[in-house]
Amino acid sequence: MKRNVVGALLSALVFPGVGQLWLGRRARGILFAVVALVAAWIYVAGAFDQASALAGQLLSGALPSDPAALAARLEAAPTPLAETVAGWALAACWLGAIVEALLVGGA
């Protein structure tokens, strides 16, 4: 199997930047990994905050423990811009790492 294909698979299946590190492109690998880690942290932290607030409402009795009511509350809540941008950044970073490994890694 070609080195660039293995690098792309590593970036796709393990984490963005791992393929670049394996191909010896250390700076690009670290850049992809750091951006992906920050974006994932922002995204997960936002989801955790939302889940924590929902759990607090459940425990206080302000929200019934009906699954349909929980789903409706989650769907009605607006997604903060930071989480939306972080989600897109993570997806773009992941895809970019795969494409970069395929195209540039073979050079």
N, C-alpha and C. Protein backbone atom coordinates (compact mmCIF):
# COMPACT_ATOMS: atom_id res chain seq x y z
N MET A 1 0.85 -1.17 0.00
CA MET A 1 0.00 0.00 0.00
C MET A 1 0.90 1.24 0.00
N LYS A 2 0.51 2.25 -0.77
CA LYS A 2 1.30 3.47 -0.86
C LYS A 2 1.31 4.22 0.45
N ARG A 3 2.40 4.93 0.71
CA ARG A 3 2.55 5.67 1.96
C ARG A 3 1.47 6.74 2.12
N ASN A 4 1.11 7.43 1.03
CA ASN A 4 0.10 8.48 1.15
C ASN A 4 -1.28 7.89 1.48
N VAL A 5 -1.58 6.70 0.99
CA VAL A 5 -2.86 6.06 1.31
C VAL A 5 -2.89 5.66 2.79
N VAL A 6 -1.79 5.13 3.28
CA VAL A 6 -1.71 4.77 4.70
C VAL A 6 -1.84 6.04 5.55
N GLY A 7 -1.18 7.11 5.15
CA GLY A 7 -1.30 8.37 5.88
C GLY A 7 -2.71 8.89 5.89
N ALA A 8 -3.39 8.80 4.77
CA ALA A 8 -4.79 9.24 4.70
C ALA A 8 -5.67 8.38 5.59
N LEU A 9 -5.44 7.09 5.59
CA LEU A 9 -6.22 6.19 6.45
C LEU A 9 -5.97 6.49 7.93
N LEU A 10 -4.74 6.78 8.29
CA LEU A 10 -4.44 7.12 9.68
C LEU A 10 -5.15 8.41 10.09
N SER A 11 -5.13 9.40 9.20
CA SER A 11 -5.81 10.65 9.51
C SER A 11 -7.32 10.45 9.56
N ALA A 12 -7.85 9.55 8.75
CA ALA A 12 -9.29 9.32 8.72
C ALA A 12 -9.77 8.50 9.91
N LEU A 13 -9.01 7.47 10.26
CA LEU A 13 -9.50 6.51 11.25
C LEU A 13 -8.99 6.74 12.67
N VAL A 14 -7.86 7.44 12.81
CA VAL A 14 -7.31 7.66 14.15
C VAL A 14 -7.64 9.07 14.61
N PHE A 15 -7.02 10.06 14.00
CA PHE A 15 -7.26 11.46 14.36
C PHE A 15 -6.56 12.33 13.32
N PRO A 16 -7.12 13.51 13.01
CA PRO A 16 -6.46 14.38 12.04
C PRO A 16 -5.03 14.70 12.45
N GLY A 17 -4.12 14.60 11.50
CA GLY A 17 -2.73 14.90 11.76
C GLY A 17 -1.86 13.68 11.99
N VAL A 18 -2.46 12.57 12.38
CA VAL A 18 -1.67 11.36 12.63
C VAL A 18 -1.03 10.87 11.33
N GLY A 19 -1.77 10.96 10.25
CA GLY A 19 -1.21 10.56 8.95
C GLY A 19 -0.04 11.43 8.53
N GLN A 20 -0.15 12.74 8.79
CA GLN A 20 0.94 13.65 8.45
C GLN A 20 2.17 13.33 9.30
N LEU A 21 1.96 13.04 10.56
CA LEU A 21 3.09 12.67 11.43
C LEU A 21 3.75 11.40 10.92
N TRP A 22 2.95 10.44 10.50
CA TRP A 22 3.49 9.18 9.98
C TRP A 22 4.26 9.40 8.69
N LEU A 23 3.80 10.37 7.88
CA LEU A 23 4.48 10.68 6.62
C LEU A 23 5.72 11.55 6.82
N GLY A 24 5.98 11.95 8.05
CA GLY A 24 7.15 12.77 8.34
C GLY A 24 6.91 14.26 8.18
N ARG A 25 5.67 14.66 8.05
CA ARG A 25 5.32 16.07 7.92
C ARG A 25 4.86 16.57 9.29
N ARG A 26 5.83 16.75 10.17
CA ARG A 26 5.56 17.01 11.58
C ARG A 26 4.79 18.31 11.82
N ALA A 27 5.19 19.40 11.19
CA ALA A 27 4.53 20.69 11.42
C ALA A 27 3.07 20.64 11.00
N ARG A 28 2.79 20.07 9.83
CA ARG A 28 1.40 19.98 9.38
C ARG A 28 0.59 19.03 10.27
N GLY A 29 1.21 17.95 10.69
CA GLY A 29 0.51 17.02 11.56
C GLY A 29 0.13 17.65 12.88
N ILE A 30 1.06 18.40 13.46
CA ILE A 30 0.77 19.07 14.73
C ILE A 30 -0.29 20.14 14.54
N LEU A 31 -0.23 20.88 13.42
CA LEU A 31 -1.23 21.90 13.15
C LEU A 31 -2.62 21.30 13.03
N PHE A 32 -2.76 20.24 12.25
CA PHE A 32 -4.05 19.58 12.12
C PHE A 32 -4.55 19.06 13.47
N ALA A 33 -3.67 18.43 14.23
CA ALA A 33 -4.06 17.85 15.52
C ALA A 33 -4.47 18.92 16.52
N VAL A 34 -3.73 20.02 16.59
CA VAL A 34 -4.04 21.07 17.56
C VAL A 34 -5.37 21.74 17.23
N VAL A 35 -5.58 22.07 15.95
CA VAL A 35 -6.84 22.70 15.56
C VAL A 35 -8.01 21.75 15.84
N ALA A 36 -7.85 20.48 15.52
CA ALA A 36 -8.91 19.50 15.75
C ALA A 36 -9.18 19.32 17.25
N LEU A 37 -8.13 19.30 18.06
CA LEU A 37 -8.32 19.14 19.51
C LEU A 37 -9.04 20.34 20.12
N VAL A 38 -8.67 21.54 19.70
CA VAL A 38 -9.34 22.75 20.23
C VAL A 38 -10.80 22.76 19.80
N ALA A 39 -11.06 22.47 18.53
CA ALA A 39 -12.44 22.45 18.05
C ALA A 39 -13.27 21.38 18.77
N ALA A 40 -12.69 20.21 18.96
CA ALA A 40 -13.40 19.14 19.67
C ALA A 40 -13.67 19.53 21.12
N TRP A 41 -12.70 20.19 21.75
CA TRP A 41 -12.88 20.61 23.13
C TRP A 41 -14.02 21.62 23.25
N ILE A 42 -14.06 22.59 22.36
CA ILE A 42 -15.14 23.59 22.38
C ILE A 42 -16.48 22.91 22.16
N TYR A 43 -16.54 22.00 21.21
CA TYR A 43 -17.79 21.31 20.88
C TYR A 43 -18.27 20.45 22.04
N VAL A 44 -17.38 19.67 22.63
CA VAL A 44 -17.75 18.78 23.74
C VAL A 44 -18.08 19.59 24.99
N ALA A 45 -17.34 20.67 25.24
CA ALA A 45 -17.63 21.50 26.41
C ALA A 45 -19.02 22.12 26.30
N GLY A 46 -19.40 22.55 25.11
CA GLY A 46 -20.74 23.10 24.91
C GLY A 46 -21.82 22.06 25.12
N ALA A 47 -21.59 20.86 24.61
CA ALA A 47 -22.56 19.78 24.81
C ALA A 47 -22.66 19.40 26.27
N PHE A 48 -21.53 19.40 26.97
CA PHE A 48 -21.54 19.09 28.40
C PHE A 48 -22.29 20.16 29.19
N ASP A 49 -22.09 21.42 28.85
CA ASP A 49 -22.82 22.50 29.52
C ASP A 49 -24.32 22.37 29.30
N GLN A 50 -24.72 22.04 28.08
CA GLN A 50 -26.14 21.87 27.78
C GLN A 50 -26.71 20.67 28.55
N ALA A 51 -25.97 19.58 28.60
CA ALA A 51 -26.44 18.40 29.34
C ALA A 51 -26.50 18.67 30.83
N SER A 52 -25.55 19.44 31.34
CA SER A 52 -25.54 19.78 32.76
C SER A 52 -26.75 20.66 33.12
N ALA A 53 -27.04 21.62 32.26
CA ALA A 53 -28.20 22.48 32.51
C ALA A 53 -29.49 21.67 32.47
N LEU A 54 -29.59 20.77 31.53
CA LEU A 54 -30.77 19.91 31.41
C LEU A 54 -30.91 19.00 32.63
N ALA A 55 -29.79 18.46 33.09
CA ALA A 55 -29.83 17.60 34.28
C ALA A 55 -30.24 18.40 35.52
N GLY A 56 -29.77 19.63 35.62
CA GLY A 56 -30.18 20.48 36.73
C GLY A 56 -31.67 20.75 36.72
N GLN A 57 -32.24 20.98 35.54
CA GLN A 57 -33.69 21.19 35.44
C GLN A 57 -34.45 19.92 35.78
N LEU A 58 -33.92 18.78 35.39
CA LEU A 58 -34.57 17.50 35.72
C LEU A 58 -34.55 17.26 37.23
N LEU A 59 -33.41 17.50 37.85
CA LEU A 59 -33.28 17.25 39.29
C LEU A 59 -34.10 18.22 40.12
N SER A 60 -34.27 19.45 39.64
CA SER A 60 -35.05 20.42 40.39
C SER A 60 -36.55 20.24 40.20
N GLY A 61 -36.93 19.45 39.22
CA GLY A 61 -38.34 19.21 38.96
C GLY A 61 -38.94 20.22 37.98
N ALA A 62 -38.15 21.14 37.46
CA ALA A 62 -38.64 22.14 36.52
C ALA A 62 -38.96 21.52 35.16
N LEU A 63 -38.40 20.36 34.89
CA LEU A 63 -38.61 19.68 33.62
C LEU A 63 -39.05 18.25 33.91
N PRO A 64 -40.16 17.80 33.32
CA PRO A 64 -40.61 16.43 33.56
C PRO A 64 -39.63 15.43 32.95
N SER A 65 -39.58 14.25 33.53
CA SER A 65 -38.65 13.22 33.05
C SER A 65 -39.27 12.41 31.91
N ASP A 66 -39.95 13.10 31.05
CA ASP A 66 -40.56 12.49 29.87
C ASP A 66 -39.57 12.60 28.70
N PRO A 67 -39.23 11.49 28.05
CA PRO A 67 -38.26 11.56 26.95
C PRO A 67 -38.68 12.52 25.83
N ALA A 68 -39.97 12.59 25.55
CA ALA A 68 -40.44 13.49 24.50
C ALA A 68 -40.22 14.95 24.91
N ALA A 69 -40.44 15.26 26.19
CA ALA A 69 -40.22 16.63 26.67
C ALA A 69 -38.73 16.98 26.63
N LEU A 70 -37.88 16.02 26.97
CA LEU A 70 -36.44 16.26 26.90
C LEU A 70 -36.00 16.50 25.46
N ALA A 71 -36.50 15.69 24.54
CA ALA A 71 -36.15 15.86 23.13
C ALA A 71 -36.63 17.20 22.61
N ALA A 72 -37.84 17.59 23.00
CA ALA A 72 -38.37 18.88 22.55
C ALA A 72 -37.54 20.03 23.10
N ARG A 73 -37.10 19.93 24.34
CA ARG A 73 -36.28 20.98 24.94
C ARG A 73 -34.93 21.08 24.23
N LEU A 74 -34.34 19.94 23.90
CA LEU A 74 -33.06 19.94 23.20
C LEU A 74 -33.19 20.52 21.78
N GLU A 75 -34.28 20.18 21.10
CA GLU A 75 -34.48 20.67 19.74
C GLU A 75 -34.77 22.17 19.73
N ALA A 76 -35.44 22.67 20.78
CA ALA A 76 -35.81 24.09 20.83
C ALA A 76 -34.62 24.97 21.22
N ALA A 77 -33.64 24.40 21.89
CA ALA A 77 -32.50 25.20 22.35
C ALA A 77 -31.63 25.60 21.15
N PRO A 78 -31.29 26.89 21.07
CA PRO A 78 -30.42 27.31 19.96
C PRO A 78 -28.98 26.83 20.18
N THR A 79 -28.32 26.52 19.10
CA THR A 79 -26.92 26.10 19.18
C THR A 79 -26.05 27.35 19.15
N PRO A 80 -25.19 27.52 20.15
CA PRO A 80 -24.31 28.70 20.15
C PRO A 80 -23.40 28.72 18.93
N LEU A 81 -23.06 29.91 18.49
CA LEU A 81 -22.22 30.08 17.30
C LEU A 81 -20.86 29.41 17.47
N ALA A 82 -20.30 29.48 18.67
CA ALA A 82 -18.98 28.88 18.90
C ALA A 82 -19.02 27.37 18.66
N GLU A 83 -20.09 26.72 19.08
CA GLU A 83 -20.20 25.27 18.87
C GLU A 83 -20.40 24.94 17.40
N THR A 84 -21.16 25.76 16.70
CA THR A 84 -21.37 25.54 15.27
C THR A 84 -20.06 25.68 14.51
N VAL A 85 -19.33 26.74 14.81
CA VAL A 85 -18.04 26.97 14.15
C VAL A 85 -17.06 25.85 14.51
N ALA A 86 -17.05 25.43 15.76
CA ALA A 86 -16.15 24.36 16.19
C ALA A 86 -16.48 23.05 15.47
N GLY A 87 -17.74 22.76 15.31
CA GLY A 87 -18.14 21.54 14.60
C GLY A 87 -17.69 21.57 13.15
N TRP A 88 -17.89 22.70 12.49
CA TRP A 88 -17.45 22.83 11.10
C TRP A 88 -15.93 22.79 11.00
N ALA A 89 -15.25 23.42 11.94
CA ALA A 89 -13.78 23.41 11.93
C ALA A 89 -13.24 22.00 12.12
N LEU A 90 -13.86 21.24 13.01
CA LEU A 90 -13.42 19.86 13.23
C LEU A 90 -13.62 19.02 11.97
N ALA A 91 -14.79 19.17 11.35
CA ALA A 91 -15.05 18.41 10.12
C ALA A 91 -14.10 18.82 9.00
N ALA A 92 -13.86 20.11 8.85
CA ALA A 92 -12.95 20.59 7.80
C ALA A 92 -11.53 20.14 8.07
N CYS A 93 -11.13 20.14 9.31
CA CYS A 93 -9.78 19.71 9.67
C CYS A 93 -9.61 18.22 9.38
N TRP A 94 -10.61 17.44 9.73
CA TRP A 94 -10.54 15.99 9.49
C TRP A 94 -10.45 15.70 8.00
N LEU A 95 -11.34 16.32 7.22
CA LEU A 95 -11.33 16.11 5.79
C LEU A 95 -10.04 16.66 5.16
N GLY A 96 -9.61 17.82 5.63
CA GLY A 96 -8.39 18.42 5.10
C GLY A 96 -7.17 17.56 5.34
N ALA A 97 -7.09 16.93 6.51
CA ALA A 97 -5.96 16.05 6.81
C ALA A 97 -5.95 14.84 5.89
N ILE A 98 -7.11 14.31 5.57
CA ILE A 98 -7.19 13.16 4.67
C ILE A 98 -6.74 13.55 3.27
N VAL A 99 -7.31 14.65 2.78
CA VAL A 99 -6.98 15.10 1.42
C VAL A 99 -5.51 15.48 1.33
N GLU A 100 -4.99 16.18 2.33
CA GLU A 100 -3.59 16.58 2.32
C GLU A 100 -2.67 15.37 2.29
N ALA A 101 -3.00 14.35 3.05
CA ALA A 101 -2.17 13.14 3.06
C ALA A 101 -2.20 12.44 1.71
N LEU A 102 -3.37 12.42 1.07
CA LEU A 102 -3.47 11.78 -0.24
C LEU A 102 -2.74 12.55 -1.33
N LEU A 103 -2.92 13.85 -1.36
CA LEU A 103 -2.36 14.65 -2.45
C LEU A 103 -0.91 15.04 -2.24
N VAL A 104 -0.60 15.54 -1.07
CA VAL A 104 0.75 16.04 -0.81
C VAL A 104 1.65 14.94 -0.27
N GLY A 105 1.08 13.99 0.43
CA GLY A 105 1.88 12.94 1.03
C GLY A 105 2.62 12.07 0.04
N GLY A 106 2.09 11.97 -1.17
CA GLY A 106 2.75 11.16 -2.18
C GLY A 106 3.88 11.86 -2.89
N ALA A 107 3.97 13.17 -2.69
CA ALA A 107 5.00 13.94 -3.38
C ALA A 107 6.36 13.75 -2.76
